[in-house]
Protein backbone atom coordinates (compact mmCIF):
# COMPACT_ATOMS: atom_id res chain seq x y z
CA UNK A 1 0.00 0.00 0.00
CA UNK A 2 1.27 3.48 -0.79
CA UNK A 3 1.16 6.85 0.91
CA UNK A 4 -1.86 8.97 0.17
CA UNK A 5 -4.32 6.13 -0.34
CA UNK A 6 -7.89 7.32 0.23
CA UNK A 7 -9.71 4.98 2.63
CA UNK A 8 -13.18 5.02 4.19
CA UNK A 9 -13.73 2.80 7.24
CA UNK A 10 -17.22 2.46 8.72
CA UNK A 11 -17.78 1.50 12.34
CA UNK A 12 -14.39 3.01 13.15
CA UNK A 13 -15.28 4.36 16.57
CA UNK A 14 -13.98 1.27 18.35
CA UNK A 15 -12.95 -2.35 17.93
CA UNK A 16 -11.78 -3.69 14.60
CA UNK A 17 -12.91 -0.58 12.73
CA UNK A 18 -10.68 1.64 14.84
CA UNK A 19 -7.81 -0.82 14.49
CA UNK A 20 -8.20 -0.92 10.70
CA UNK A 21 -8.27 2.87 10.54
CA UNK A 22 -5.10 3.01 12.66
CA UNK A 23 -3.35 0.41 10.52
CA UNK A 24 -4.05 2.20 7.26
CA UNK A 25 -3.08 5.55 8.76
CA UNK A 26 0.21 4.03 9.92
CA UNK A 27 0.93 3.26 6.27
CA UNK A 28 0.37 6.86 5.28
CA UNK A 29 -3.21 6.58 4.01
CA UNK A 30 -5.80 9.30 4.39
CA UNK A 31 -8.58 7.61 6.36
CA UNK A 32 -12.12 8.87 6.82
CA UNK A 33 -13.30 7.12 9.98
CA UNK A 34 -17.06 7.01 10.42
CA UNK A 35 -19.32 5.73 13.15
CA UNK A 36 -22.88 6.19 14.33
CA UNK A 37 -21.51 7.19 17.74
CA UNK A 38 -19.07 10.12 17.39
CA UNK A 39 -17.51 9.56 20.82
CA UNK A 40 -14.90 7.13 19.51
CA UNK A 41 -13.85 9.36 16.62
CA UNK A 42 -12.26 12.09 18.74
CA UNK A 43 -8.77 12.93 17.57
CA UNK A 44 -9.17 11.58 14.05
CA UNK A 45 -7.98 13.90 11.30
CA UNK A 46 -10.89 12.84 9.11
CA UNK A 47 -14.05 11.72 10.87
CA UNK A 48 -17.79 11.75 10.31
CA UNK A 49 -20.88 10.66 12.20
CA UNK A 50 -22.50 8.12 9.91
CA UNK A 51 -25.44 5.71 10.24
CA UNK A 52 -24.92 2.95 7.67
CA UNK A 53 -28.65 2.12 7.67
CA UNK A 54 -29.44 5.61 6.34
CA UNK A 55 -29.13 5.87 2.54
CA UNK A 56 -29.10 9.66 2.71
CA UNK A 57 -26.18 9.51 5.14
CA UNK A 58 -24.25 7.34 2.69
CA UNK A 59 -24.91 9.86 -0.08
CA UNK A 60 -23.65 12.67 2.15
CA UNK A 61 -20.44 10.77 2.95
CA UNK A 62 -19.86 10.03 -0.74
CA UNK A 63 -20.31 13.72 -1.52
CA UNK A 64 -17.78 14.65 1.17
CA UNK A 65 -15.22 12.19 -0.21
CA UNK A 66 -15.72 13.54 -3.71
CA UNK A 67 -15.37 17.15 -2.57
CA UNK A 68 -12.33 16.64 -0.34
CA UNK A 69 -10.43 13.85 -2.06
CA UNK A 70 -11.83 13.62 -5.59
CA UNK A 71 -12.56 9.91 -5.18
CA UNK A 72 -11.90 6.87 -3.02
CA UNK A 73 -9.46 3.98 -3.23
CA UNK A 74 -10.67 1.64 -0.48
CA UNK A 75 -14.16 1.20 1.00
CA UNK A 76 -14.07 -0.80 4.24
CA UNK A 77 -17.56 -1.93 5.22
CA UNK A 78 -16.86 -2.80 8.84
CA UNK A 79 -19.84 -1.42 10.78
CA UNK A 80 -21.87 -4.20 12.35
CA UNK A 81 -23.51 -5.59 15.45
CA UNK A 82 -23.35 -9.02 17.11
CA UNK A 83 -26.29 -11.35 17.41
CA UNK A 84 -27.49 -14.91 17.57
CA UNK A 85 -29.85 -17.11 19.46
CA UNK A 86 -31.44 -20.52 19.28
CA UNK A 87 -34.07 -20.96 16.60
CA UNK A 88 -36.99 -21.10 19.02
CA UNK A 89 -35.65 -18.35 21.30
CA UNK A 90 -34.43 -15.52 19.07
CA UNK A 91 -37.13 -13.12 17.94
CA UNK A 92 -37.80 -12.45 14.26
CA UNK A 93 -37.22 -8.74 14.95
CA UNK A 94 -33.65 -9.63 15.98
CA UNK A 95 -33.08 -11.18 12.56
CA UNK A 96 -34.38 -8.04 10.86
CA UNK A 97 -32.15 -5.83 13.02
CA UNK A 98 -29.04 -7.86 12.18
CA UNK A 99 -29.75 -7.87 8.47
CA UNK A 100 -30.59 -4.16 8.37
CA UNK A 101 -27.20 -3.21 9.81
CA UNK A 102 -24.84 -6.03 8.86
CA UNK A 103 -26.03 -6.61 5.30
CA UNK A 104 -28.18 -3.75 4.04
CA UNK A 105 -25.75 -1.22 5.53
CA UNK A 106 -23.12 -2.66 3.19
CA UNK A 107 -25.51 -2.76 0.24
CA UNK A 108 -26.24 0.95 0.72
CA UNK A 109 -22.52 1.68 0.75
CA UNK A 110 -21.98 -0.26 -2.46
CA UNK A 111 -24.86 1.54 -4.11
CA UNK A 112 -23.06 4.83 -3.48
CA UNK A 113 -19.46 3.89 -4.16
CA UNK A 114 -19.59 1.29 -6.93
CA UNK A 115 -20.34 4.06 -9.48
CA UNK A 116 -17.36 6.00 -8.11
CA UNK A 117 -15.07 3.00 -8.54
CA UNK A 118 -16.39 2.27 -12.02
CA UNK A 119 -15.82 5.84 -13.14
CA UNK A 120 -12.25 5.70 -11.77
CA UNK A 121 -11.54 2.30 -13.22
CA UNK A 122 -10.12 1.26 -9.86
CA UNK A 123 -11.04 0.57 -6.24
CA UNK A 124 -11.03 -1.98 -3.47
CA UNK A 125 -14.02 -3.14 -1.42
CA UNK A 126 -13.23 -4.77 1.94
CA UNK A 127 -16.30 -6.28 3.60
CA UNK A 128 -15.92 -7.49 7.17
CA UNK A 129 -17.91 -10.67 7.72
CA UNK A 130 -17.01 -13.37 10.25
CA UNK A 131 -15.96 -16.98 10.52
CA UNK A 132 -19.71 -17.45 11.02
CA UNK A 133 -20.07 -16.78 7.30
CA UNK A 134 -18.11 -19.96 6.56
CA UNK A 135 -18.63 -22.17 9.62
CA UNK A 136 -22.10 -22.41 11.10
CA UNK A 137 -22.39 -23.37 14.79
CA UNK A 138 -25.70 -24.08 16.47
CA UNK A 139 -27.42 -21.24 18.28
CA UNK A 140 -26.16 -18.69 15.77
CA UNK A 141 -28.60 -19.03 12.87
CA UNK A 142 -29.30 -15.32 12.39
CA UNK A 143 -25.65 -14.31 12.62
CA UNK A 144 -24.48 -17.22 10.47
CA UNK A 145 -27.05 -16.33 7.82
CA UNK A 146 -26.23 -12.63 7.64
CA UNK A 147 -22.49 -13.19 7.56
CA UNK A 148 -22.85 -15.89 4.89
CA UNK A 149 -24.81 -13.32 2.91
CA UNK A 150 -21.90 -10.88 3.26
CA UNK A 151 -19.54 -13.55 1.91
CA UNK A 152 -21.84 -14.13 -1.06
CA UNK A 153 -22.28 -10.40 -1.65
CA UNK A 154 -18.52 -9.88 -1.72
CA UNK A 155 -17.81 -12.75 -4.09
CA UNK A 156 -20.52 -11.48 -6.42
CA UNK A 157 -19.09 -7.96 -6.31
CA UNK A 158 -15.64 -9.29 -7.14
CA UNK A 159 -16.92 -11.07 -10.24
CA UNK A 160 -19.19 -8.26 -11.34
CA UNK A 161 -16.64 -5.47 -10.97
CA UNK A 162 -13.42 -7.20 -12.06
CA UNK A 163 -13.82 -5.87 -15.60
CA UNK A 164 -13.89 -2.34 -14.19
CA UNK A 165 -10.60 -2.68 -12.33
CA UNK A 166 -12.33 -3.06 -8.96
CA UNK A 167 -11.46 -5.77 -6.44
CA UNK A 168 -13.51 -7.12 -3.53
CA UNK A 169 -12.34 -9.06 -0.50
CA UNK A 170 -14.18 -10.44 2.51
CA UNK A 171 -12.72 -10.81 6.00
CA UNK A 172 -13.77 -13.76 8.17
CA UNK A 173 -12.16 -13.72 11.63
CA UNK A 174 -12.97 -15.95 14.57
CA UNK A 175 -13.50 -14.51 18.05
CA UNK A 176 -11.04 -11.77 19.01
CA UNK A 177 -10.90 -9.34 21.92
CA UNK A 178 -13.08 -6.31 21.27
CA UNK A 179 -15.91 -4.34 22.82
CA UNK A 180 -18.40 -5.55 20.21
CA UNK A 181 -20.35 -7.62 22.73
CA UNK A 182 -21.44 -4.44 24.47
CA UNK A 183 -23.91 -4.14 21.59
CA UNK A 184 -25.30 -7.65 21.97
CA UNK A 185 -29.07 -7.70 22.22
CA UNK A 186 -31.76 -10.33 22.07
CA UNK A 187 -33.88 -12.90 23.83
CA UNK A 188 -31.28 -15.67 24.12
CA UNK A 189 -29.38 -14.27 27.08
CA UNK A 190 -27.78 -17.63 27.87
CA UNK A 191 -26.08 -17.80 24.51
CA UNK A 192 -25.00 -14.18 24.84
CA UNK A 193 -23.09 -15.02 28.01
CA UNK A 194 -21.29 -17.87 26.23
CA UNK A 195 -20.31 -15.49 23.40
CA UNK A 196 -19.03 -12.87 25.84
CA UNK A 197 -16.77 -15.45 27.41
CA UNK A 198 -15.37 -16.48 24.03
CA UNK A 199 -14.62 -12.86 23.12
CA UNK A 200 -13.02 -12.06 26.47
CA UNK A 201 -10.85 -15.17 26.38
CA UNK A 202 -9.75 -14.88 22.75
CA UNK A 203 -5.99 -14.98 22.18
CA UNK A 204 -5.83 -12.10 19.68
CA UNK A 205 -6.92 -8.47 19.83
CA UNK A 206 -8.34 -6.16 17.19
CA UNK A 207 -4.95 -4.67 16.26
CA UNK A 208 -3.54 -8.10 15.41
CA UNK A 209 -6.57 -8.95 13.27
CA UNK A 210 -6.30 -5.58 11.49
CA UNK A 211 -2.65 -6.16 10.62
CA UNK A 212 -3.49 -9.61 9.24
CA UNK A 213 -6.24 -8.03 7.14
CA UNK A 214 -3.85 -5.54 5.56
CA UNK A 215 -1.36 -8.31 4.88
CA UNK A 216 -4.11 -10.28 3.14
CA UNK A 217 -5.03 -7.21 1.09
CA UNK A 218 -1.37 -6.84 0.11
CA UNK A 219 -1.39 -10.43 -1.16
CA UNK A 220 -4.53 -9.79 -3.20
CA UNK A 221 -6.61 -12.32 -1.29
CA UNK A 222 -10.34 -12.30 -2.01
CA UNK A 223 -11.07 -14.25 1.18
CA UNK A 224 -9.07 -13.26 4.25
CA UNK A 225 -9.23 -15.68 7.19
CA UNK A 226 -6.93 -13.72 9.49
CA UNK A 227 -6.39 -15.89 12.56
CA UNK A 228 -5.26 -19.48 13.21
CA UNK A 229 -8.46 -20.54 15.00
CA UNK A 230 -10.58 -19.46 12.04
CA UNK A 231 -8.28 -21.16 9.53
CA UNK A 232 -8.32 -24.41 11.53
CA UNK A 233 -12.12 -24.41 11.62
CA UNK A 234 -12.41 -23.82 7.87
CA UNK A 235 -9.91 -26.58 7.09
CA UNK A 236 -11.73 -29.02 9.38
CA UNK A 237 -14.99 -28.36 7.54
CA UNK A 238 -13.34 -28.68 4.11
CA UNK A 239 -11.22 -31.77 4.75
CA UNK A 240 -12.92 -33.75 7.50
CA UNK A 241 -16.62 -33.01 7.21
CA UNK A 242 -17.72 -35.89 9.44
CA UNK A 243 -15.42 -34.71 12.22
CA UNK A 244 -16.63 -31.14 11.75
CA UNK A 245 -20.27 -32.21 12.01
CA UNK A 246 -19.52 -34.20 15.15
CA UNK A 247 -17.86 -31.19 16.79
CA UNK A 248 -20.77 -28.93 15.87
CA UNK A 249 -23.38 -31.34 17.18
CA UNK A 250 -21.57 -31.82 20.48
CA UNK A 251 -21.53 -28.05 20.81
CA UNK A 252 -25.23 -27.93 19.94
CA UNK A 253 -26.06 -30.46 22.66
CA UNK A 254 -24.46 -28.19 25.25
CA UNK A 255 -26.88 -25.41 24.37
CA UNK A 256 -29.79 -27.43 25.78
CA UNK A 257 -28.56 -26.71 29.29
CA UNK A 258 -28.32 -22.96 28.90
CA UNK A 259 -30.60 -20.54 30.70
CA UNK A 260 -31.95 -17.49 28.94
CA UNK A 261 -34.33 -19.39 26.70
CA UNK A 262 -36.85 -22.18 26.68
CA UNK A 263 -34.11 -24.68 27.52
CA UNK A 264 -33.47 -24.54 31.25
CA UNK A 265 -34.62 -20.98 31.91
CA UNK A 266 -36.83 -18.07 30.99
CA UNK A 267 -35.63 -15.49 28.53
CA UNK A 268 -36.20 -11.80 28.81
CA UNK A 269 -38.02 -11.55 25.50
CA UNK A 270 -37.36 -7.93 24.67
CA UNK A 271 -37.07 -7.03 20.98
CA UNK A 272 -33.84 -5.24 20.03
CA UNK A 273 -33.74 -1.49 19.99
CA UNK A 274 -32.25 0.88 17.48
CA UNK A 275 -28.77 0.19 16.11
CA UNK A 276 -25.94 1.70 18.09
């Protein structure tokens, strides 16, 4: 990557988004960091309050980029929220909330910036998905589905835009230490506690994942699986499917004993609020 690269990172107020913004800035890029909550953007040279679910907000950000930089080199669709829940515990409204932010937020961004990239004849789209887009554990149907959709969206974009000089890559990390779980909402409170423990105990932090992402971008990878745990899980599924299924079903059996749902407890069945 070269000095002066023009980069837009959504969800850059904290977590992986902030780490990605830092990593590109360290390489000399101009980075517009955006987030729905402006609190985490303090001190950024380029920053903007931005709700990815608002099409008009996307149009405003595109206009700013055009006015200040004359175009964009890298669009990093990172903004997202966590979710999940057993099939008979998670509310349908939770599914809608996850898809509105984690998928349609990206679609709105592509609607604005794909024409920019086409007119330039160049550009890079980096969509942050999750290992859940490739490996699908029980209790995570909504999150698995939305992240698998992000993987499919990115692959499609890569094929569709290759003739215009535009590349697309998708990032699929496993659990890493971040504050993302502060945004966890939903009826399946038992599963949420399990997820919080996995995030807290993860061996890698956001900065390490961000550096692996940039290294994958440097190599031209269209699918970046940035951490060893994620790569091991993908290889197990690809090479030893029976063993993979056995692991997943043992994990599924453990969910039956969780509280915070119809199995072993009573959930607080409160529909999710507005994205934050």
